[in-house]
PDB file of N, CA and C in Angstrom:
ATOM      1  N   MET A   1      71.905 -85.334 -10.450  1.00  0.00           N
ATOM      2  CA  MET A   1      72.698 -85.072  -9.430  1.00  0.00           C
ATOM      3  C   MET A   1      74.209 -84.596  -9.820  1.00  0.00           C
ATOM      4  N   VAL A   2      74.717 -84.587 -10.930  1.00  0.00           N
ATOM      5  CA  VAL A   2      76.164 -84.442 -11.334  1.00  0.00           C
ATOM      6  C   VAL A   2      76.026 -83.005 -11.712  1.00  0.00           C
ATOM      7  N   GLU A   3      74.750 -82.634 -12.220  1.00  0.00           N
ATOM      8  CA  GLU A   3      74.538 -81.330 -12.716  1.00  0.00           C
ATOM      9  C   GLU A   3      74.398 -80.300 -11.699  1.00  0.00           C
ATOM     10  N   LEU A   4      73.793 -80.755 -10.411  1.00  0.00           N
ATOM     11  CA  LEU A   4      73.615 -80.079  -9.353  1.00  0.00           C
ATOM     12  C   LEU A   4      74.761 -79.613  -8.604  1.00  0.00           C
ATOM     13  N   TYR A   5      75.751 -80.421  -8.512  1.00  0.00           N
ATOM     14  CA  TYR A   5      76.972 -80.144  -7.755  1.00  0.00           C
ATOM     15  C   TYR A   5      78.061 -79.480  -9.121  1.00  0.00           C
ATOM     16  N   ARG A   6      77.825 -79.656 -10.178  1.00  0.00           N
ATOM     17  CA  ARG A   6      78.519 -78.907 -11.168  1.00  0.00           C
ATOM     18  C   ARG A   6      78.213 -77.472 -10.989  1.00  0.00           C
ATOM     19  N   SER A   7      76.778 -77.127 -10.956  1.00  0.00           N
ATOM     20  CA  SER A   7      76.384 -75.714 -11.099  1.00  0.00           C
ATOM     21  C   SER A   7      76.594 -74.884  -9.629  1.00  0.00           C
ATOM     22  N   ARG A   8      76.621 -75.989  -8.596  1.00  0.00           N
ATOM     23  CA  ARG A   8      76.965 -75.238  -7.309  1.00  0.00           C
ATOM     24  C   ARG A   8      78.409 -74.896  -7.003  1.00  0.00           C
ATOM     25  N   LEU A   9      79.043 -75.953  -7.376  1.00  0.00           N
ATOM     26  CA  LEU A   9      80.606 -75.912  -7.409  1.00  0.00           C
ATOM     27  C   LEU A   9      81.552 -75.260  -8.404  1.00  0.00           C
ATOM     28  N   PHE A  10      81.107 -75.181  -9.491  1.00  0.00           N
ATOM     29  CA  PHE A  10      81.992 -74.932 -10.723  1.00  0.00           C
ATOM     30  C   PHE A  10      81.022 -74.176 -11.452  1.00  0.00           C
ATOM     31  N   ALA A  11      80.520 -73.089 -10.970  1.00  0.00           N
ATOM     32  CA  ALA A  11      79.929 -71.760 -11.790  1.00  0.00           C
ATOM     33  C   ALA A  11      80.905 -71.458 -12.851  1.00  0.00           C
ATOM     34  N   ASP A  12      82.221 -71.362 -12.599  1.00  0.00           N
ATOM     35  CA  ASP A  12      83.238 -70.733 -13.357  1.00  0.00           C
ATOM     36  C   ASP A  12      84.213 -72.071 -13.347  1.00  0.00           C
ATOM     37  N   THR A  13      84.638 -72.482 -14.615  1.00  0.00           N
ATOM     38  CA  THR A  13      85.679 -73.748 -14.439  1.00  0.00           C
ATOM     39  C   THR A  13      87.065 -73.263 -14.392  1.00  0.00           C
ATOM     40  N   ARG A  14      87.120 -71.948 -14.668  1.00  0.00           N
ATOM     41  CA  ARG A  14      88.327 -71.745 -14.509  1.00  0.00           C
ATOM     42  C   ARG A  14      88.973 -71.351 -12.760  1.00  0.00           C
ATOM     43  N   THR A  15      87.952 -71.749 -12.154  1.00  0.00           N
ATOM     44  CA  THR A  15      88.205 -71.406 -10.592  1.00  0.00           C
ATOM     45  C   THR A  15      89.514 -72.385 -10.168  1.00  0.00           C
ATOM     46  N   CYS A  16      89.723 -73.620 -10.471  1.00  0.00           N
ATOM     47  CA  CYS A  16      90.499 -74.439  -9.906  1.00  0.00           C
ATOM     48  C   CYS A  16      92.085 -73.693 -10.265  1.00  0.00           C
ATOM     49  N   TYR A  17      92.040 -73.189 -11.797  1.00  0.00           N
ATOM     50  CA  TYR A  17      93.499 -72.605 -12.429  1.00  0.00           C
ATOM     51  C   TYR A  17      93.700 -71.336 -11.582  1.00  0.00           C
ATOM     52  N   ARG A  18      92.714 -70.536 -10.861  1.00  0.00           N
ATOM     53  CA  ARG A  18      92.850 -69.398 -10.176  1.00  0.00           C
ATOM     54  C   ARG A  18      93.658 -69.921  -8.962  1.00  0.00           C
ATOM     55  N   PHE A  19      93.128 -70.776  -8.494  1.00  0.00           N
ATOM     56  CA  PHE A  19      93.642 -71.142  -6.983  1.00  0.00           C
ATOM     57  C   PHE A  19      95.036 -71.729  -7.373  1.00  0.00           C
ATOM     58  N   LEU A  20      95.159 -72.228  -8.269  1.00  0.00           N
ATOM     59  CA  LEU A  20      96.786 -72.831  -8.847  1.00  0.00           C
ATOM     60  C   LEU A  20      97.655 -71.882  -8.970  1.00  0.00           C
ATOM     61  N   GLN A  21      97.292 -70.731  -9.771  1.00  0.00           N
ATOM     62  CA  GLN A  21      97.887 -69.491 -10.159  1.00  0.00           C
ATOM     63  C   GLN A  21      98.402 -68.752  -8.860  1.00  0.00           C
ATOM     64  N   ALA A  22      97.104 -68.854  -7.999  1.00  0.00           N
ATOM     65  CA  ALA A  22      97.688 -67.985  -6.706  1.00  0.00           C
ATOM     66  C   ALA A  22      98.413 -68.637  -5.746  1.00  0.00           C
ATOM     67  N   GLY A  23      98.317 -69.914  -5.799  1.00  0.00           N
ATOM     68  CA  GLY A  23      99.405 -70.762  -4.900  1.00  0.00           C
ATOM     69  C   GLY A  23     100.635 -70.493  -5.365  1.00  0.00           C
ATOM     70  N   PHE A  24     100.799 -70.704  -6.597  1.00  0.00           N
ATOM     71  CA  PHE A  24     102.103 -70.627  -7.399  1.00  0.00           C
ATOM     72  C   PHE A  24     102.705 -69.052  -7.093  1.00  0.00           C
ATOM     73  N   GLY A  25     101.662 -68.239  -7.156  1.00  0.00           N
ATOM     74  CA  GLY A  25     101.993 -66.891  -7.026  1.00  0.00           C
ATOM     75  C   GLY A  25     102.788 -66.629  -5.548  1.00  0.00           C
ATOM     76  N   VAL A  26     101.987 -67.034  -4.484  1.00  0.00           N
ATOM     77  CA  VAL A  26     102.444 -66.827  -3.123  1.00  0.00           C
ATOM     78  C   VAL A  26     103.976 -67.518  -3.053  1.00  0.00           C
ATOM     79  N   ILE A  27     104.011 -68.675  -3.595  1.00  0.00           N
ATOM     80  CA  ILE A  27     105.319 -69.181  -3.487  1.00  0.00           C
ATOM     81  C   ILE A  27     106.479 -68.681  -4.322  1.00  0.00           C
ATOM     82  N   LEU A  28     106.191 -67.996  -5.297  1.00  0.00           N
ATOM     83  CA  LEU A  28     107.113 -67.117  -5.904  1.00  0.00           C
ATOM     84  C   LEU A  28     107.390 -65.656  -5.315  1.00  0.00           C
ATOM     85  N   VAL A  29     106.555 -65.176  -4.881  1.00  0.00           N
ATOM     86  CA  VAL A  29     106.526 -63.960  -3.915  1.00  0.00           C
ATOM     87  C   VAL A  29     107.625 -64.191  -3.018  1.00  0.00           C
ATOM     88  N   THR A  30     107.233 -65.694  -1.968  1.00  0.00           N
ATOM     89  CA  THR A  30     107.993 -65.791  -1.099  1.00  0.00           C
ATOM     90  C   THR A  30     109.611 -66.019  -1.294  1.00  0.00           C
ATOM     91  N   PHE A  31     109.713 -66.745  -2.467  1.00  0.00           N
ATOM     92  CA  PHE A  31     111.053 -67.088  -3.057  1.00  0.00           C
ATOM     93  C   PHE A  31     111.935 -65.715  -3.385  1.00  0.00           C
ATOM     94  N   PHE A  32     111.176 -64.672  -4.076  1.00  0.00           N
ATOM     95  CA  PHE A  32     111.987 -63.462  -4.419  1.00  0.00           C
ATOM     96  C   PHE A  32     111.994 -62.644  -3.093  1.00  0.00           C
ATOM     97  N   ALA A  33     111.217 -62.888  -2.161  1.00  0.00           N
ATOM     98  CA  ALA A  33     111.312 -61.989  -0.936  1.00  0.00           C
ATOM     99  C   ALA A  33     112.567 -62.642  -0.236  1.00  0.00           C
ATOM    100  N   GLY A  34     113.044 -63.949  -0.460  1.00  0.00           N
ATOM    101  CA  GLY A  34     114.269 -64.400   0.057  1.00  0.00           C
ATOM    102  C   GLY A  34     115.336 -64.059  -0.519  1.00  0.00           C
ATOM    103  N   MET A  35     115.166 -63.785  -1.811  1.00  0.00           N
ATOM    104  CA  MET A  35     116.274 -63.130  -2.715  1.00  0.00           C
ATOM    105  C   MET A  35     116.585 -61.636  -2.205  1.00  0.00           C
ATOM    106  N   ALA A  36     115.441 -61.097  -1.821  1.00  0.00           N
ATOM    107  CA  ALA A  36     115.806 -59.838  -1.367  1.00  0.00           C
ATOM    108  C   ALA A  36     116.357 -59.599  -0.111  1.00  0.00           C
ATOM    109  N   VAL A  37     116.143 -60.354   0.809  1.00  0.00           N
ATOM    110  CA  VAL A  37     116.635 -60.475   2.256  1.00  0.00           C
ATOM    111  C   VAL A  37     118.400 -60.888   2.156  1.00  0.00           C
ATOM    112  N   LEU A  38     118.739 -61.466   0.955  1.00  0.00           N
ATOM    113  CA  LEU A  38     120.281 -61.675   0.660  1.00  0.00           C
ATOM    114  C   LEU A  38     120.750 -60.341   0.595  1.00  0.00           C
ATOM    115  N   ALA A  39     120.032 -59.314  -0.120  1.00  0.00           N
ATOM    116  CA  ALA A  39     120.477 -57.970  -0.423  1.00  0.00           C
ATOM    117  C   ALA A  39     120.513 -57.104   0.552  1.00  0.00           C
ATOM    118  N   VAL A  40     119.340 -57.318   1.627  1.00  0.00           N
ATOM    119  CA  VAL A  40     118.976 -56.199   2.725  1.00  0.00           C
ATOM    120  C   VAL A  40     118.976 -57.157   3.977  1.00  0.00           C
ATOM    121  N   PRO A  41     120.247 -57.581   4.440  1.00  0.00           N
ATOM    122  CA  PRO A  41     120.182 -58.658   5.638  1.00  0.00           C
ATOM    123  C   PRO A  41     119.335 -58.123   6.782  1.00  0.00           C
ATOM    124  N   GLU A  42     118.823 -56.791   7.072  1.00  0.00           N
ATOM    125  CA  GLU A  42     118.279 -56.384   8.152  1.00  0.00           C
ATOM    126  C   GLU A  42     116.734 -56.790   8.289  1.00  0.00           C
ATOM    127  N   TYR A  43     116.247 -57.443   7.221  1.00  0.00           N
ATOM    128  CA  TYR A  43     114.898 -57.908   7.127  1.00  0.00           C
ATOM    129  C   TYR A  43     114.834 -59.486   7.172  1.00  0.00           C
ATOM    130  N   GLY A  44     115.794 -59.932   7.662  1.00  0.00           N
ATOM    131  CA  GLY A  44     116.084 -61.514   7.938  1.00  0.00           C
ATOM    132  C   GLY A  44     115.063 -61.963   9.044  1.00  0.00           C
ATOM    133  N   ALA A  45     115.060 -61.246   9.943  1.00  0.00           N
ATOM    134  CA  ALA A  45     114.267 -61.710  11.145  1.00  0.00           C
ATOM    135  C   ALA A  45     112.763 -61.749  10.601  1.00  0.00           C
ATOM    136  N   VAL A  46     112.372 -60.720   9.918  1.00  0.00           N
ATOM    137  CA  VAL A  46     110.833 -60.482   9.378  1.00  0.00           C
ATOM    138  C   VAL A  46     110.515 -61.782   8.418  1.00  0.00           C
ATOM    139  N   TYR A  47     111.441 -61.897   7.483  1.00  0.00           N
ATOM    140  CA  TYR A  47     111.505 -63.032   6.675  1.00  0.00           C
ATOM    141  C   TYR A  47     111.316 -64.442   7.115  1.00  0.00           C
ATOM    142  N   ASP A  48     112.031 -64.702   8.150  1.00  0.00           N
ATOM    143  CA  ASP A  48     112.181 -66.041   8.985  1.00  0.00           C
ATOM    144  C   ASP A  48     110.595 -66.115   9.657  1.00  0.00           C
ATOM    145  N   VAL A  49     110.082 -64.988  10.184  1.00  0.00           N
ATOM    146  CA  VAL A  49     108.609 -65.005  10.634  1.00  0.00           C
ATOM    147  C   VAL A  49     107.641 -65.689   9.458  1.00  0.00           C
ATOM    148  N   LEU A  50     107.950 -64.860   8.299  1.00  0.00           N
ATOM    149  CA  LEU A  50     106.752 -64.936   7.579  1.00  0.00           C
ATOM    150  C   LEU A  50     106.982 -66.034   6.647  1.00  0.00           C
ATOM    151  N   VAL A  51     108.105 -66.597   6.268  1.00  0.00           N
ATOM    152  CA  VAL A  51     108.284 -67.889   5.073  1.00  0.00           C
ATOM    153  C   VAL A  51     107.306 -68.841   5.517  1.00  0.00           C
ATOM    154  N   MET A  52     107.348 -69.428   6.666  1.00  0.00           N
ATOM    155  CA  MET A  52     106.404 -70.575   6.886  1.00  0.00           C
ATOM    156  C   MET A  52     105.085 -70.675   6.660  1.00  0.00           C
ATOM    157  N   PRO A  53     104.413 -69.794   7.094  1.00  0.00           N
ATOM    158  CA  PRO A  53     103.048 -69.364   7.226  1.00  0.00           C
ATOM    159  C   PRO A  53     102.807 -69.130   5.519  1.00  0.00           C
ATOM    160  N   SER A  54     103.554 -68.290   4.915  1.00  0.00           N
ATOM    161  CA  SER A  54     103.124 -68.156   3.541  1.00  0.00           C
ATOM    162  C   SER A  54     103.314 -69.337   2.682  1.00  0.00           C
ATOM    163  N   LEU A  55     104.338 -70.158   2.840  1.00  0.00           N
ATOM    164  CA  LEU A  55     104.652 -71.503   1.978  1.00  0.00           C
ATOM    165  C   LEU A  55     103.397 -72.168   2.341  1.00  0.00           C
ATOM    166  N   PHE A  56     102.924 -72.336   3.615  1.00  0.00           N
ATOM    167  CA  PHE A  56     101.745 -73.141   3.793  1.00  0.00           C
ATOM    168  C   PHE A  56     100.512 -72.642   3.099  1.00  0.00           C
ATOM    169  N   VAL A  57     100.206 -71.257   3.181  1.00  0.00           N
ATOM    170  CA  VAL A  57      99.169 -70.793   2.365  1.00  0.00           C
ATOM    171  C   VAL A  57      99.569 -71.177   0.645  1.00  0.00           C
ATOM    172  N   GLY A  58     100.439 -70.847   0.255  1.00  0.00           N
ATOM    173  CA  GLY A  58     100.705 -71.389  -1.064  1.00  0.00           C
ATOM    174  C   GLY A  58     100.425 -72.653  -1.521  1.00  0.00           C
ATOM    175  N   LEU A  59     100.834 -73.707  -0.571  1.00  0.00           N
ATOM    176  CA  LEU A  59     100.757 -75.079  -0.824  1.00  0.00           C
ATOM    177  C   LEU A  59      99.590 -75.578  -0.605  1.00  0.00           C
ATOM    178  N   GLY A  60      98.793 -74.909   0.387  1.00  0.00           N
ATOM    179  CA  GLY A  60      97.410 -75.003   0.565  1.00  0.00           C
ATOM    180  C   GLY A  60      96.670 -74.765  -0.700  1.00  0.00           C
ATOM    181  N   LEU A  61      96.887 -73.477  -1.141  1.00  0.00           N
ATOM    182  CA  LEU A  61      96.057 -72.894  -2.499  1.00  0.00           C
ATOM    183  C   LEU A  61      96.370 -73.916  -3.614  1.00  0.00           C
ATOM    184  N   LEU A  62      97.619 -74.507  -3.778  1.00  0.00           N
ATOM    185  CA  LEU A  62      98.032 -75.466  -4.869  1.00  0.00           C
ATOM    186  C   LEU A  62      97.235 -76.671  -4.714  1.00  0.00           C
ATOM    187  N   LEU A  63      97.381 -77.265  -3.460  1.00  0.00           N
ATOM    188  CA  LEU A  63      96.481 -78.687  -3.269  1.00  0.00           C
ATOM    189  C   LEU A  63      94.870 -78.461  -3.514  1.00  0.00           C
ATOM    190  N   PHE A  64      94.425 -77.324  -3.083  1.00  0.00           N
ATOM    191  CA  PHE A  64      93.149 -77.098  -3.334  1.00  0.00           C
ATOM    192  C   PHE A  64      92.970 -76.840  -4.823  1.00  0.00           C
ATOM    193  N   GLY A  65      93.493 -76.327  -5.444  1.00  0.00           N
ATOM    194  CA  GLY A  65      93.166 -76.312  -6.973  1.00  0.00           C
ATOM    195  C   GLY A  65      93.354 -77.590  -7.618  1.00  0.00           C
ATOM    196  N   ILE A  66      94.577 -78.301  -7.008  1.00  0.00           N
ATOM    197  CA  ILE A  66      94.642 -79.672  -7.821  1.00  0.00           C
ATOM    198  C   ILE A  66      93.274 -80.417  -7.424  1.00  0.00           C
ATOM    199  N   GLY A  67      92.905 -80.510  -6.194  1.00  0.00           N
ATOM    200  CA  GLY A  67      91.729 -81.199  -5.626  1.00  0.00           C
ATOM    201  C   GLY A  67      90.410 -80.949  -6.468  1.00  0.00           C
ATOM    202  N   THR A  68      90.277 -79.420  -6.689  1.00  0.00           N
ATOM    203  CA  THR A  68      89.244 -78.909  -7.645  1.00  0.00           C
ATOM    204  C   THR A  68      89.053 -79.634  -8.803  1.00  0.00           C
ATOM    205  N   HIS A  69      90.465 -79.523  -9.457  1.00  0.00           N
ATOM    206  CA  HIS A  69      90.541 -80.095 -10.837  1.00  0.00           C
ATOM    207  C   HIS A  69      90.188 -81.635 -10.903  1.00  0.00           C
ATOM    208  N   LEU A  70      90.788 -82.164  -9.843  1.00  0.00           N
ATOM    209  CA  LEU A  70      90.594 -83.535 -10.255  1.00  0.00           C
ATOM    210  C   LEU A  70      89.097 -83.806  -9.921  1.00  0.00           C
ATOM    211  N   HIS A  71      88.195 -83.296  -8.839  1.00  0.00           N
ATOM    212  CA  HIS A  71      86.759 -83.445  -8.642  1.00  0.00           C
ATOM    213  C   HIS A  71      86.055 -83.073  -9.875  1.00  0.00           C
ATOM    214  N   ALA A  72      86.719 -81.998 -10.454  1.00  0.00           N
ATOM    215  CA  ALA A  72      85.717 -81.667 -11.723  1.00  0.00           C
ATOM    216  C   ALA A  72      85.950 -82.450 -12.984  1.00  0.00           C
ATOM    217  N   MET A  73      87.024 -83.284 -12.987  1.00  0.00           N
ATOM    218  CA  MET A  73      87.343 -84.287 -13.948  1.00  0.00           C
ATOM    219  C   MET A  73      86.405 -85.664 -13.696  1.00  0.00           C
ATOM    220  N   HIS A  74      86.285 -85.691 -12.341  1.00  0.00           N
ATOM    221  CA  HIS A  74      85.618 -86.956 -11.956  1.00  0.00           C
ATOM    222  C   HIS A  74      84.022 -86.846 -12.229  1.00  0.00           C
ATOM    223  N   LEU A  75      83.636 -85.589 -12.170  1.00  0.00           N
ATOM    224  CA  LEU A  75      82.256 -85.319 -12.258  1.00  0.00           C
ATOM    225  C   LEU A  75      81.779 -85.481 -13.908  1.00  0.00           C
ATOM    226  N   ASN A  76      83.064 -85.130 -14.653  1.00  0.00           N
ATOM    227  CA  ASN A  76      82.738 -85.025 -16.043  1.00  0.00           C
ATOM    228  C   ASN A  76      82.809 -86.630 -16.474  1.00  0.00           C
ATOM    229  N   VAL A  77      83.828 -87.392 -15.748  1.00  0.00           N
ATOM    230  CA  VAL A  77      83.572 -88.919 -16.178  1.00  0.00           C
ATOM    231  C   VAL A  77      82.433 -89.390 -15.757  1.00  0.00           C
ATOM    232  N   VAL A  78      81.664 -89.388 -14.516  1.00  0.00           N
ATOM    233  CA  VAL A  78      80.552 -89.679 -14.068  1.00  0.00           C
ATOM    234  C   VAL A  78      79.513 -89.369 -14.997  1.00  0.00           C
ATOM    235  N   ARG A  79      79.504 -87.965 -15.430  1.00  0.00           N
ATOM    236  CA  ARG A  79      78.665 -87.383 -16.718  1.00  0.00           C
ATOM    237  C   ARG A  79      78.699 -88.299 -17.830  1.00  0.00           C
ATOM    238  N   MET A  80      79.574 -88.319 -18.399  1.00  0.00           N
ATOM    239  CA  MET A  80      79.879 -89.385 -19.440  1.00  0.00           C
ATOM    240  C   MET A  80      79.467 -90.693 -19.207  1.00  0.00           C
ATOM    241  N   HIS A  81      79.932 -91.068 -18.308  1.00  0.00           N
ATOM    242  CA  HIS A  81      79.428 -92.945 -18.103  1.00  0.00           C
ATOM    243  C   HIS A  81      77.869 -92.912 -17.971  1.00  0.00           C
ATOM    244  N   ALA A  82      77.107 -91.827 -17.224  1.00  0.00           N
ATOM    245  CA  ALA A  82      75.816 -91.764 -17.155  1.00  0.00           C
ATOM    246  C   ALA A  82      75.120 -91.624 -18.641  1.00  0.00           C
ATOM    247  N   ASP A  83      75.652 -90.780 -19.576  1.00  0.00           N
ATOM    248  CA  ASP A  83      75.169 -90.557 -20.724  1.00  0.00           C
ATOM    249  C   ASP A  83      75.122 -92.204 -21.349  1.00  0.00           C
ATOM    250  N   ASP A  84      76.307 -92.572 -21.183  1.00  0.00           N
ATOM    251  CA  ASP A  84      76.738 -93.891 -22.067  1.00  0.00           C
ATOM    252  C   ASP A  84      75.704 -94.987 -21.908  1.00  0.00           C
ATOM    253  N   THR A  85      75.003 -95.051 -20.242  1.00  0.00           N
ATOM    254  CA  THR A  85      74.234 -95.932 -19.939  1.00  0.00           C
ATOM    255  C   THR A  85      72.690 -95.506 -20.335  1.00  0.00           C
ATOM    256  N   ASP A  86      72.526 -94.390 -20.576  1.00  0.00           N
ATOM    257  CA  ASP A  86      71.057 -93.997 -20.864  1.00  0.00           C
ATOM    258  C   ASP A  86      70.843 -94.168 -22.442  1.00  0.00           C
ATOM    259  N   ASP A  87      72.036 -94.169 -23.203  1.00  0.00           N
ATOM    260  CA  ASP A  87      71.896 -94.515 -24.723  1.00  0.00           C
ATOM    261  C   ASP A  87      71.356 -96.156 -24.888  1.00  0.00           C
ATOM    262  N   LYS A  88      71.896 -97.062 -23.954  1.00  0.00           N
ATOM    263  CA  LYS A  88      71.673 -98.543 -24.147  1.00  0.00           C
ATOM    264  C   LYS A  88      70.155 -98.859 -23.597  1.00  0.00           C
TER     265      LYS A  88
END
């Protein structure tokens, strides 16, 4: 059963790291856009409208990546535990 979940959910084990990188990237782009708004104050209204949704997207991607990583670690522990009980 563990292998079934592993093959369907994690065909590529780097998936969780891609979500983490994407979330961190969205947050960094939002931060640097805020720095650009300091230089060009005319874009302040646009930045105020976009900052909250983009931060939610970035944090959502980070949390999804962390959850995926924890799920993969749990599946590895379950598999190792199943292998240990099979040997006995």
